[in-house]
């Protein structure tokens, strides 16, 4: 999303799946923390330095005074897709879809956050459909 906002001429469209949006909200974080142990285990390599660098960059970006204006003015079509059984609240994605001029929001029912791992066929179809709609 950041790249689309900062370089709209280079982006045809954005598809965001099971994200969180540019916010650090306590209620969102509390819901996530309260239920994260219920999520399926996905064994992936975790590189703490990479995660820390991404977190710092994200935090810097969401604290920019011009962030919401830039999003509201961004001409790039954006489709935000929530996983229906994600423990992460989807309201932030729905808000983004309402904010950006060419935003769309949808939900894939019955799948968790990591449905690329747990439901690969549904993931493939979701991504294929979203990209074909661009």
Protein backbone atom coordinates (compact mmCIF):
# COMPACT_ATOMS: atom_id res chain seq x y z
CA UNK A 1 0.00 0.00 0.00
CA UNK A 2 2.81 2.37 0.83
CA UNK A 3 4.37 1.90 -2.59
CA UNK A 4 1.01 2.45 -4.30
CA UNK A 5 0.49 5.70 -2.39
CA UNK A 6 4.02 6.97 -2.99
CA UNK A 7 4.32 5.78 -6.61
CA UNK A 8 0.80 5.52 -8.07
CA UNK A 9 2.11 5.85 -11.61
CA UNK A 10 3.94 2.54 -11.18
CA UNK A 11 1.05 0.51 -9.73
CA UNK A 12 -1.92 -0.74 -11.76
CA UNK A 13 -3.84 -1.93 -8.69
CA UNK A 14 -3.37 -3.22 -5.17
CA UNK A 15 -4.81 -6.37 -3.64
CA UNK A 16 -4.37 -6.67 0.11
CA UNK A 17 -5.32 -9.95 1.76
CA UNK A 18 -5.74 -10.52 5.51
CA UNK A 19 -3.86 -7.36 6.43
CA UNK A 20 -4.18 -4.91 9.25
CA UNK A 21 -4.19 -1.49 7.67
CA UNK A 22 -2.10 1.50 8.68
CA UNK A 23 -3.06 1.73 12.32
CA UNK A 24 -1.91 0.78 15.78
CA UNK A 25 -5.17 0.44 17.64
CA UNK A 26 -5.36 -1.07 21.11
CA UNK A 27 -8.68 -2.81 20.51
CA UNK A 28 -7.34 -4.41 17.32
CA UNK A 29 -4.18 -5.52 19.12
CA UNK A 30 -6.11 -6.79 22.15
CA UNK A 31 -8.36 -8.93 19.94
CA UNK A 32 -5.32 -10.35 18.18
CA UNK A 33 -3.39 -11.06 21.38
CA UNK A 34 -6.40 -12.68 23.06
CA UNK A 35 -6.89 -15.22 20.27
CA UNK A 36 -3.51 -15.76 18.62
CA UNK A 37 -2.98 -19.11 20.35
CA UNK A 38 -6.06 -20.47 18.53
CA UNK A 39 -4.56 -19.95 15.08
CA UNK A 40 -3.16 -22.86 13.08
CA UNK A 41 0.58 -23.35 13.51
CA UNK A 42 2.53 -22.37 10.41
CA UNK A 43 6.19 -23.31 10.55
CA UNK A 44 8.05 -20.57 8.71
CA UNK A 45 11.52 -19.17 9.08
CA UNK A 46 11.48 -16.10 11.30
CA UNK A 47 14.27 -13.58 10.93
CA UNK A 48 14.00 -11.15 13.86
CA UNK A 49 16.10 -8.46 12.15
CA UNK A 50 13.84 -8.43 9.10
CA UNK A 51 10.70 -8.28 11.24
CA UNK A 52 12.17 -5.44 13.31
CA UNK A 53 13.14 -3.44 10.22
CA UNK A 54 9.69 -3.88 8.68
CA UNK A 55 8.06 -2.86 11.95
CA UNK A 56 10.16 0.28 12.21
CA UNK A 57 9.39 1.27 8.63
CA UNK A 58 5.67 0.63 9.14
CA UNK A 59 5.60 2.67 12.34
CA UNK A 60 7.41 5.57 10.69
CA UNK A 61 4.94 5.52 7.80
CA UNK A 62 1.74 5.37 9.86
CA UNK A 63 2.92 8.30 11.99
CA UNK A 64 3.27 10.65 9.03
CA UNK A 65 0.86 13.58 9.34
CA UNK A 66 0.07 13.33 5.62
CA UNK A 67 -0.77 9.60 5.61
CA UNK A 68 -4.57 9.76 5.61
CA UNK A 69 -4.67 12.59 3.06
CA UNK A 70 -2.32 10.65 0.78
CA UNK A 71 -4.51 7.55 1.05
CA UNK A 72 -7.68 9.55 0.40
CA UNK A 73 -6.09 11.09 -2.69
CA UNK A 74 -4.55 7.89 -4.08
CA UNK A 75 -5.96 6.99 -7.50
CA UNK A 76 -4.79 3.36 -7.45
CA UNK A 77 -7.65 0.82 -7.29
CA UNK A 78 -7.37 -1.11 -4.02
CA UNK A 79 -9.19 -4.30 -3.06
CA UNK A 80 -8.87 -5.31 0.58
CA UNK A 81 -9.84 -8.90 1.34
CA UNK A 82 -10.40 -10.23 4.86
CA UNK A 83 -10.20 -13.85 5.94
CA UNK A 84 -13.58 -14.72 7.44
CA UNK A 85 -12.18 -16.63 10.43
CA UNK A 86 -9.20 -14.37 11.00
CA UNK A 87 -8.68 -13.44 14.65
CA UNK A 88 -7.56 -10.03 13.42
CA UNK A 89 -10.50 -7.63 13.22
CA UNK A 90 -11.40 -6.69 9.64
CA UNK A 91 -12.72 -3.20 10.42
CA UNK A 92 -9.42 -1.55 9.51
CA UNK A 93 -9.55 -3.06 6.02
CA UNK A 94 -13.18 -2.03 5.58
CA UNK A 95 -12.24 1.51 6.63
CA UNK A 96 -9.44 1.63 4.07
CA UNK A 97 -11.80 0.49 1.33
CA UNK A 98 -14.13 3.34 2.25
CA UNK A 99 -11.30 5.87 2.44
CA UNK A 100 -9.52 5.32 -0.85
CA UNK A 101 -11.39 6.62 -3.91
CA UNK A 102 -11.33 3.30 -5.77
CA UNK A 103 -11.54 0.97 -2.78
CA UNK A 104 -13.33 -2.34 -2.45
CA UNK A 105 -13.72 -4.67 0.53
CA UNK A 106 -14.69 -8.32 0.62
CA UNK A 107 -14.42 -11.31 2.92
CA UNK A 108 -13.49 -14.91 2.17
CA UNK A 109 -15.76 -16.91 4.49
CA UNK A 110 -14.57 -19.84 6.56
CA UNK A 111 -10.81 -19.34 6.32
CA UNK A 112 -8.18 -18.25 8.87
CA UNK A 113 -5.54 -15.56 8.46
CA UNK A 114 -2.96 -17.94 7.00
CA UNK A 115 -5.29 -19.45 4.45
CA UNK A 116 -2.48 -19.49 1.89
CA UNK A 117 -1.21 -22.37 4.05
CA UNK A 118 -4.41 -23.95 5.37
CA UNK A 119 -6.61 -23.58 2.27
CA UNK A 120 -4.26 -23.23 -0.72
CA UNK A 121 -7.01 -23.84 -3.29
CA UNK A 122 -9.16 -21.07 -1.82
CA UNK A 123 -6.10 -18.80 -1.66
CA UNK A 124 -5.25 -19.44 -5.30
CA UNK A 125 -8.81 -18.78 -6.41
CA UNK A 126 -9.05 -15.63 -4.29
CA UNK A 127 -5.83 -14.18 -5.67
CA UNK A 128 -6.70 -15.22 -9.23
CA UNK A 129 -10.15 -13.62 -9.03
CA UNK A 130 -8.85 -10.43 -7.43
CA UNK A 131 -6.12 -10.00 -10.03
CA UNK A 132 -8.45 -10.79 -12.92
CA UNK A 133 -10.82 -8.07 -11.74
CA UNK A 134 -8.13 -5.40 -12.09
